[in-house]
Amino acid sequence: MDQPRYIGLDEARQVLAEMGVMLTPRQMKRAADKDADGRRKLPFFIDPIEGTLKIDRQDLINAYVKQQRDAQRQCRPQP
């Protein structure tokens, strides 16, 4: 298993842009902010040393790949 590579909001935005998902800084921040229930849309956490939001690069990619697979399954006609 590869070592996790933790990235911040700006680099996360860049990773998504490389995948064709163009987000504004505000959209990225909203995905990282907690909702009324205290949950985030993406698995960001606060780095205990820097105090900034971080996410594992592969977790971010996996979240988008999973959503794409789920959407494809929902669109396929049932035999």
PDB file of N, CA and C in Angstrom:
ATOM      1  N   MET A   1       0.845  -1.183   0.000  1.00  0.00           N
ATOM      2  CA  MET A   1       0.000   0.000   0.000  1.00  0.00           C
ATOM      3  C   MET A   1       0.889   1.244   0.000  1.00  0.00           C
ATOM      4  N   ASP A   2       0.536   2.205  -0.818  1.00  0.00           N
ATOM      5  CA  ASP A   2       1.303   3.440  -0.908  1.00  0.00           C
ATOM      6  C   ASP A   2       1.091   4.297   0.327  1.00  0.00           C
ATOM      7  N   GLN A   3       2.098   5.097   0.630  1.00  0.00           N
ATOM      8  CA  GLN A   3       1.978   6.055   1.722  1.00  0.00           C
ATOM      9  C   GLN A   3       0.978   7.127   1.324  1.00  0.00           C
ATOM     10  N   PRO A   4       0.159   7.610   2.249  1.00  0.00           N
ATOM     11  CA  PRO A   4      -0.768   8.687   1.917  1.00  0.00           C
ATOM     12  C   PRO A   4      -0.001   9.957   1.555  1.00  0.00           C
ATOM     13  N   ARG A   5      -0.572  10.713   0.648  1.00  0.00           N
ATOM     14  CA  ARG A   5       0.008  11.998   0.261  1.00  0.00           C
ATOM     15  C   ARG A   5      -1.045  13.051   0.562  1.00  0.00           C
ATOM     16  N   TYR A   6      -0.820  13.811   1.608  1.00  0.00           N
ATOM     17  CA  TYR A   6      -1.795  14.793   2.044  1.00  0.00           C
ATOM     18  C   TYR A   6      -1.593  16.106   1.302  1.00  0.00           C
ATOM     19  N   ILE A   7      -2.694  16.648   0.790  1.00  0.00           N
ATOM     20  CA  ILE A   7      -2.643  17.881   0.023  1.00  0.00           C
ATOM     21  C   ILE A   7      -3.656  18.871   0.586  1.00  0.00           C
ATOM     22  N   GLY A   8      -3.418  20.137   0.324  1.00  0.00           N
ATOM     23  CA  GLY A   8      -4.316  21.192   0.773  1.00  0.00           C
ATOM     24  C   GLY A   8      -5.383  21.499  -0.264  1.00  0.00           C
ATOM     25  N   LEU A   9      -6.159  22.532   0.004  1.00  0.00           N
ATOM     26  CA  LEU A   9      -7.272  22.901  -0.873  1.00  0.00           C
ATOM     27  C   LEU A   9      -6.818  23.257  -2.285  1.00  0.00           C
ATOM     28  N   ASP A  10      -5.762  24.054  -2.393  1.00  0.00           N
ATOM     29  CA  ASP A  10      -5.312  24.472  -3.725  1.00  0.00           C
ATOM     30  C   ASP A  10      -4.828  23.302  -4.563  1.00  0.00           C
ATOM     31  N   GLU A  11      -4.046  22.424  -3.954  1.00  0.00           N
ATOM     32  CA  GLU A  11      -3.556  21.272  -4.701  1.00  0.00           C
ATOM     33  C   GLU A  11      -4.695  20.305  -5.010  1.00  0.00           C
ATOM     34  N   ALA A  12      -5.661  20.179  -4.110  1.00  0.00           N
ATOM     35  CA  ALA A  12      -6.825  19.326  -4.377  1.00  0.00           C
ATOM     36  C   ALA A  12      -7.591  19.849  -5.590  1.00  0.00           C
ATOM     37  N   ARG A  13      -7.715  21.152  -5.654  1.00  0.00           N
ATOM     38  CA  ARG A  13      -8.375  21.771  -6.816  1.00  0.00           C
ATOM     39  C   ARG A  13      -7.619  21.460  -8.101  1.00  0.00           C
ATOM     40  N   GLN A  14      -6.299  21.483  -8.027  1.00  0.00           N
ATOM     41  CA  GLN A  14      -5.456  21.188  -9.191  1.00  0.00           C
ATOM     42  C   GLN A  14      -5.608  19.725  -9.610  1.00  0.00           C
ATOM     43  N   VAL A  15      -5.651  18.811  -8.646  1.00  0.00           N
ATOM     44  CA  VAL A  15      -5.831  17.381  -8.947  1.00  0.00           C
ATOM     45  C   VAL A  15      -7.161  17.169  -9.667  1.00  0.00           C
ATOM     46  N   LEU A  16      -8.208  17.811  -9.165  1.00  0.00           N
ATOM     47  CA  LEU A  16      -9.521  17.670  -9.804  1.00  0.00           C
ATOM     48  C   LEU A  16      -9.521  18.286 -11.200  1.00  0.00           C
ATOM     49  N   ALA A  17      -8.823  19.399 -11.370  1.00  0.00           N
ATOM     50  CA  ALA A  17      -8.745  20.030 -12.695  1.00  0.00           C
ATOM     51  C   ALA A  17      -8.064  19.092 -13.691  1.00  0.00           C
ATOM     52  N   GLU A  18      -7.041  18.365 -13.251  1.00  0.00           N
ATOM     53  CA  GLU A  18      -6.372  17.392 -14.112  1.00  0.00           C
ATOM     54  C   GLU A  18      -7.323  16.276 -14.520  1.00  0.00           C
ATOM     55  N   MET A  19      -8.337  16.013 -13.702  1.00  0.00           N
ATOM     56  CA  MET A  19      -9.338  14.990 -14.005  1.00  0.00           C
ATOM     57  C   MET A  19     -10.486  15.561 -14.833  1.00  0.00           C
ATOM     58  N   GLY A  20     -10.451  16.876 -15.093  1.00  0.00           N
ATOM     59  CA  GLY A  20     -11.500  17.511 -15.878  1.00  0.00           C
ATOM     60  C   GLY A  20     -12.608  18.111 -15.038  1.00  0.00           C
ATOM     61  N   VAL A  21     -12.419  18.164 -13.729  1.00  0.00           N
ATOM     62  CA  VAL A  21     -13.418  18.745 -12.828  1.00  0.00           C
ATOM     63  C   VAL A  21     -12.922  20.134 -12.432  1.00  0.00           C
ATOM     64  N   MET A  22     -13.499  21.154 -13.041  1.00  0.00           N
ATOM     65  CA  MET A  22     -13.061  22.522 -12.802  1.00  0.00           C
ATOM     66  C   MET A  22     -13.906  23.141 -11.688  1.00  0.00           C
ATOM     67  N   LEU A  23     -13.258  23.483 -10.578  1.00  0.00           N
ATOM     68  CA  LEU A  23     -13.938  24.105  -9.448  1.00  0.00           C
ATOM     69  C   LEU A  23     -13.282  25.441  -9.127  1.00  0.00           C
ATOM     70  N   THR A  24     -14.082  26.376  -8.660  1.00  0.00           N
ATOM     71  CA  THR A  24     -13.544  27.643  -8.198  1.00  0.00           C
ATOM     72  C   THR A  24     -13.011  27.445  -6.778  1.00  0.00           C
ATOM     73  N   PRO A  25     -12.172  28.359  -6.308  1.00  0.00           N
ATOM     74  CA  PRO A  25     -11.709  28.240  -4.916  1.00  0.00           C
ATOM     75  C   PRO A  25     -12.874  28.207  -3.928  1.00  0.00           C
ATOM     76  N   ARG A  26     -13.917  28.964  -4.213  1.00  0.00           N
ATOM     77  CA  ARG A  26     -15.077  28.989  -3.316  1.00  0.00           C
ATOM     78  C   ARG A  26     -15.783  27.629  -3.295  1.00  0.00           C
ATOM     79  N   GLN A  27     -15.948  27.007  -4.453  1.00  0.00           N
ATOM     80  CA  GLN A  27     -16.584  25.693  -4.511  1.00  0.00           C
ATOM     81  C   GLN A  27     -15.749  24.652  -3.741  1.00  0.00           C
ATOM     82  N   MET A  28     -14.441  24.742  -3.858  1.00  0.00           N
ATOM     83  CA  MET A  28     -13.572  23.809  -3.163  1.00  0.00           C
ATOM     84  C   MET A  28     -13.695  24.005  -1.657  1.00  0.00           C
ATOM     85  N   LYS A  29     -13.730  25.247  -1.221  1.00  0.00           N
ATOM     86  CA  LYS A  29     -13.869  25.534   0.206  1.00  0.00           C
ATOM     87  C   LYS A  29     -15.205  25.027   0.735  1.00  0.00           C
ATOM     88  N   ARG A  30     -16.269  25.186  -0.053  1.00  0.00           N
ATOM     89  CA  ARG A  30     -17.582  24.692   0.372  1.00  0.00           C
ATOM     90  C   ARG A  30     -17.589  23.174   0.510  1.00  0.00           C
ATOM     91  N   ALA A  31     -16.862  22.478  -0.347  1.00  0.00           N
ATOM     92  CA  ALA A  31     -16.780  21.016  -0.252  1.00  0.00           C
ATOM     93  C   ALA A  31     -16.021  20.593   0.999  1.00  0.00           C
ATOM     94  N   ALA A  32     -15.119  21.454   1.474  1.00  0.00           N
ATOM     95  CA  ALA A  32     -14.314  21.130   2.650  1.00  0.00           C
ATOM     96  C   ALA A  32     -14.961  21.594   3.948  1.00  0.00           C
ATOM     97  N   ASP A  33     -15.863  22.568   3.876  1.00  0.00           N
ATOM     98  CA  ASP A  33     -16.525  23.078   5.081  1.00  0.00           C
ATOM     99  C   ASP A  33     -17.539  22.075   5.611  1.00  0.00           C
ATOM    100  N   LYS A  34     -17.728  22.090   6.909  1.00  0.00           N
ATOM    101  CA  LYS A  34     -18.725  21.214   7.524  1.00  0.00           C
ATOM    102  C   LYS A  34     -20.123  21.755   7.265  1.00  0.00           C
ATOM    103  N   ASP A  35     -21.090  20.837   7.093  1.00  0.00           N
ATOM    104  CA  ASP A  35     -22.482  21.240   6.927  1.00  0.00           C
ATOM    105  C   ASP A  35     -23.141  21.378   8.301  1.00  0.00           C
ATOM    106  N   ALA A  36     -24.444  21.572   8.327  1.00  0.00           N
ATOM    107  CA  ALA A  36     -25.169  21.758   9.587  1.00  0.00           C
ATOM    108  C   ALA A  36     -25.052  20.545  10.509  1.00  0.00           C
ATOM    109  N   ASP A  37     -24.842  19.363   9.922  1.00  0.00           N
ATOM    110  CA  ASP A  37     -24.702  18.137  10.712  1.00  0.00           C
ATOM    111  C   ASP A  37     -23.259  17.867  11.124  1.00  0.00           C
ATOM    112  N   GLY A  38     -22.342  18.760  10.752  1.00  0.00           N
ATOM    113  CA  GLY A  38     -20.941  18.596  11.114  1.00  0.00           C
ATOM    114  C   GLY A  38     -20.157  17.675  10.200  1.00  0.00           C
ATOM    115  N   ARG A  39     -20.708  17.383   9.018  1.00  0.00           N
ATOM    116  CA  ARG A  39     -20.028  16.511   8.061  1.00  0.00           C
ATOM    117  C   ARG A  39     -19.527  17.312   6.868  1.00  0.00           C
ATOM    118  N   ARG A  40     -18.447  16.832   6.270  1.00  0.00           N
ATOM    119  CA  ARG A  40     -17.884  17.466   5.076  1.00  0.00           C
ATOM    120  C   ARG A  40     -18.305  16.666   3.844  1.00  0.00           C
ATOM    121  N   LYS A  41     -18.375  17.339   2.689  1.00  0.00           N
ATOM    122  CA  LYS A  41     -18.716  16.638   1.451  1.00  0.00           C
ATOM    123  C   LYS A  41     -17.574  15.734   1.001  1.00  0.00           C
ATOM    124  N   LEU A  42     -16.358  16.142   1.307  1.00  0.00           N
ATOM    125  CA  LEU A  42     -15.174  15.354   0.994  1.00  0.00           C
ATOM    126  C   LEU A  42     -14.402  15.118   2.292  1.00  0.00           C
ATOM    127  N   PRO A  43     -13.606  14.044   2.355  1.00  0.00           N
ATOM    128  CA  PRO A  43     -12.941  13.691   3.614  1.00  0.00           C
ATOM    129  C   PRO A  43     -11.731  14.566   3.979  1.00  0.00           C
ATOM    130  N   PHE A  44     -11.950  15.856   4.127  1.00  0.00           N
ATOM    131  CA  PHE A  44     -10.898  16.765   4.581  1.00  0.00           C
ATOM    132  C   PHE A  44     -10.788  16.675   6.095  1.00  0.00           C
ATOM    133  N   PHE A  45      -9.610  16.954   6.612  1.00  0.00           N
ATOM    134  CA  PHE A  45      -9.401  17.010   8.059  1.00  0.00           C
ATOM    135  C   PHE A  45      -8.439  18.159   8.339  1.00  0.00           C
ATOM    136  N   ILE A  46      -8.400  18.573   9.581  1.00  0.00           N
ATOM    137  CA  ILE A  46      -7.503  19.659   9.959  1.00  0.00           C
ATOM    138  C   ILE A  46      -6.158  19.063  10.365  1.00  0.00           C
ATOM    139  N   ASP A  47      -5.125  19.484   9.674  1.00  0.00           N
ATOM    140  CA  ASP A  47      -3.765  19.038   9.967  1.00  0.00           C
ATOM    141  C   ASP A  47      -3.400  19.506  11.373  1.00  0.00           C
ATOM    142  N   PRO A  48      -3.017  18.600  12.265  1.00  0.00           N
ATOM    143  CA  PRO A  48      -2.741  19.001  13.652  1.00  0.00           C
ATOM    144  C   PRO A  48      -1.497  19.882  13.803  1.00  0.00           C
ATOM    145  N   ILE A  49      -0.596  19.840  12.861  1.00  0.00           N
ATOM    146  CA  ILE A  49       0.623  20.641  12.951  1.00  0.00           C
ATOM    147  C   ILE A  49       0.421  22.016  12.327  1.00  0.00           C
ATOM    148  N   GLU A  50      -0.095  22.044  11.089  1.00  0.00           N
ATOM    149  CA  GLU A  50      -0.261  23.308  10.374  1.00  0.00           C
ATOM    150  C   GLU A  50      -1.577  24.005  10.679  1.00  0.00           C
ATOM    151  N   GLY A  51      -2.584  23.237  11.085  1.00  0.00           N
ATOM    152  CA  GLY A  51      -3.895  23.815  11.340  1.00  0.00           C
ATOM    153  C   GLY A  51      -4.669  24.147  10.073  1.00  0.00           C
ATOM    154  N   THR A  52      -4.273  23.538   8.948  1.00  0.00           N
ATOM    155  CA  THR A  52      -4.951  23.774   7.676  1.00  0.00           C
ATOM    156  C   THR A  52      -5.697  22.512   7.250  1.00  0.00           C
ATOM    157  N   LEU A  53      -6.633  22.676   6.334  1.00  0.00           N
ATOM    158  CA  LEU A  53      -7.382  21.527   5.834  1.00  0.00           C
ATOM    159  C   LEU A  53      -6.509  20.710   4.893  1.00  0.00           C
ATOM    160  N   LYS A  54      -6.568  19.400   5.052  1.00  0.00           N
ATOM    161  CA  LYS A  54      -5.810  18.466   4.220  1.00  0.00           C
ATOM    162  C   LYS A  54      -6.716  17.312   3.831  1.00  0.00           C
ATOM    163  N   ILE A  55      -6.321  16.633   2.764  1.00  0.00           N
ATOM    164  CA  ILE A  55      -7.013  15.439   2.305  1.00  0.00           C
ATOM    165  C   ILE A  55      -5.978  14.528   1.667  1.00  0.00           C
ATOM    166  N   ASP A  56      -6.179  13.240   1.778  1.00  0.00           N
ATOM    167  CA  ASP A  56      -5.300  12.298   1.089  1.00  0.00           C
ATOM    168  C   ASP A  56      -5.633  12.374  -0.393  1.00  0.00           C
ATOM    169  N   ARG A  57      -4.620  12.542  -1.201  1.00  0.00           N
ATOM    170  CA  ARG A  57      -4.808  12.709  -2.651  1.00  0.00           C
ATOM    171  C   ARG A  57      -5.612  11.550  -3.243  1.00  0.00           C
ATOM    172  N   GLN A  58      -5.265  10.326  -2.864  1.00  0.00           N
ATOM    173  CA  GLN A  58      -5.952   9.158  -3.427  1.00  0.00           C
ATOM    174  C   GLN A  58      -7.402   9.078  -2.954  1.00  0.00           C
ATOM    175  N   ASP A  59      -7.688   9.489  -1.720  1.00  0.00           N
ATOM    176  CA  ASP A  59      -9.077   9.511  -1.239  1.00  0.00           C
ATOM    177  C   ASP A  59      -9.926  10.468  -2.062  1.00  0.00           C
ATOM    178  N   LEU A  60      -9.347  11.600  -2.435  1.00  0.00           N
ATOM    179  CA  LEU A  60     -10.061  12.571  -3.264  1.00  0.00           C
ATOM    180  C   LEU A  60     -10.393  11.972  -4.626  1.00  0.00           C
ATOM    181  N   ILE A  61      -9.419  11.352  -5.243  1.00  0.00           N
ATOM    182  CA  ILE A  61      -9.635  10.725  -6.554  1.00  0.00           C
ATOM    183  C   ILE A  61     -10.661   9.601  -6.434  1.00  0.00           C
ATOM    184  N   ASN A  62     -10.533   8.775  -5.404  1.00  0.00           N
ATOM    185  CA  ASN A  62     -11.462   7.661  -5.205  1.00  0.00           C
ATOM    186  C   ASN A  62     -12.897   8.140  -5.021  1.00  0.00           C
ATOM    187  N   ALA A  63     -13.079   9.265  -4.332  1.00  0.00           N
ATOM    188  CA  ALA A  63     -14.426   9.799  -4.114  1.00  0.00           C
ATOM    189  C   ALA A  63     -15.085  10.142  -5.448  1.00  0.00           C
ATOM    190  N   TYR A  64     -14.340  10.744  -6.364  1.00  0.00           N
ATOM    191  CA  TYR A  64     -14.903  11.095  -7.663  1.00  0.00           C
ATOM    192  C   TYR A  64     -15.132   9.874  -8.537  1.00  0.00           C
ATOM    193  N   VAL A  65     -14.219   8.923  -8.495  1.00  0.00           N
ATOM    194  CA  VAL A  65     -14.376   7.696  -9.279  1.00  0.00           C
ATOM    195  C   VAL A  65     -15.601   6.913  -8.791  1.00  0.00           C
ATOM    196  N   LYS A  66     -15.782   6.845  -7.475  1.00  0.00           N
ATOM    197  CA  LYS A  66     -16.947   6.145  -6.912  1.00  0.00           C
ATOM    198  C   LYS A  66     -18.248   6.805  -7.350  1.00  0.00           C
ATOM    199  N   GLN A  67     -18.299   8.126  -7.300  1.00  0.00           N
ATOM    200  CA  GLN A  67     -19.511   8.829  -7.717  1.00  0.00           C
ATOM    201  C   GLN A  67     -19.809   8.584  -9.192  1.00  0.00           C
ATOM    202  N   GLN A  68     -18.761   8.546 -10.012  1.00  0.00           N
ATOM    203  CA  GLN A  68     -18.954   8.293 -11.432  1.00  0.00           C
ATOM    204  C   GLN A  68     -19.490   6.881 -11.655  1.00  0.00           C
ATOM    205  N   ARG A  69     -18.929   5.892 -10.961  1.00  0.00           N
ATOM    206  CA  ARG A  69     -19.417   4.513 -11.093  1.00  0.00           C
ATOM    207  C   ARG A  69     -20.872   4.390 -10.657  1.00  0.00           C
ATOM    208  N   ASP A  70     -21.212   5.032  -9.539  1.00  0.00           N
ATOM    209  CA  ASP A  70     -22.592   4.996  -9.049  1.00  0.00           C
ATOM    210  C   ASP A  70     -23.545   5.619 -10.067  1.00  0.00           C
ATOM    211  N   ALA A  71     -23.143   6.720 -10.663  1.00  0.00           N
ATOM    212  CA  ALA A  71     -23.983   7.384 -11.660  1.00  0.00           C
ATOM    213  C   ALA A  71     -24.160   6.503 -12.898  1.00  0.00           C
ATOM    214  N   GLN A  72     -23.094   5.839 -13.312  1.00  0.00           N
ATOM    215  CA  GLN A  72     -23.181   4.956 -14.477  1.00  0.00           C
ATOM    216  C   GLN A  72     -24.104   3.777 -14.207  1.00  0.00           C
ATOM    217  N   ARG A  73     -24.043   3.234 -12.999  1.00  0.00           N
ATOM    218  CA  ARG A  73     -24.915   2.116 -12.647  1.00  0.00           C
ATOM    219  C   ARG A  73     -26.375   2.534 -12.670  1.00  0.00           C
ATOM    220  N   GLN A  74     -26.659   3.740 -12.229  1.00  0.00           N
ATOM    221  CA  GLN A  74     -28.031   4.220 -12.182  1.00  0.00           C
ATOM    222  C   GLN A  74     -28.597   4.496 -13.564  1.00  0.00           C
ATOM    223  N   CYS A  75     -27.746   4.751 -14.541  1.00  0.00           N
ATOM    224  CA  CYS A  75     -28.195   5.091 -15.888  1.00  0.00           C
ATOM    225  C   CYS A  75     -28.350   3.883 -16.799  1.00  0.00           C
ATOM    226  N   ARG A  76     -27.771   2.788 -16.447  1.00  0.00           N
ATOM    227  CA  ARG A  76     -27.821   1.620 -17.317  1.00  0.00           C
ATOM    228  C   ARG A  76     -29.217   1.003 -17.289  1.00  0.00           C
ATOM    229  N   PRO A  77     -29.725   0.641 -18.465  1.00  0.00           N
ATOM    230  CA  PRO A  77     -31.034  -0.031 -18.496  1.00  0.00           C
ATOM    231  C   PRO A  77     -30.937  -1.420 -17.868  1.00  0.00           C
ATOM    232  N   GLN A  78     -31.938  -1.780 -17.129  1.00  0.00           N
ATOM    233  CA  GLN A  78     -31.980  -3.081 -16.481  1.00  0.00           C
ATOM    234  C   GLN A  78     -32.406  -4.141 -17.494  1.00  0.00           C
ATOM    235  N   PRO A  79     -31.726  -5.304 -17.531  1.00  0.00           N
ATOM    236  CA  PRO A  79     -32.080  -6.375 -18.490  1.00  0.00           C
ATOM    237  C   PRO A  79     -33.390  -7.029 -18.162  1.00  0.00           C
TER     238      PRO A  79
END
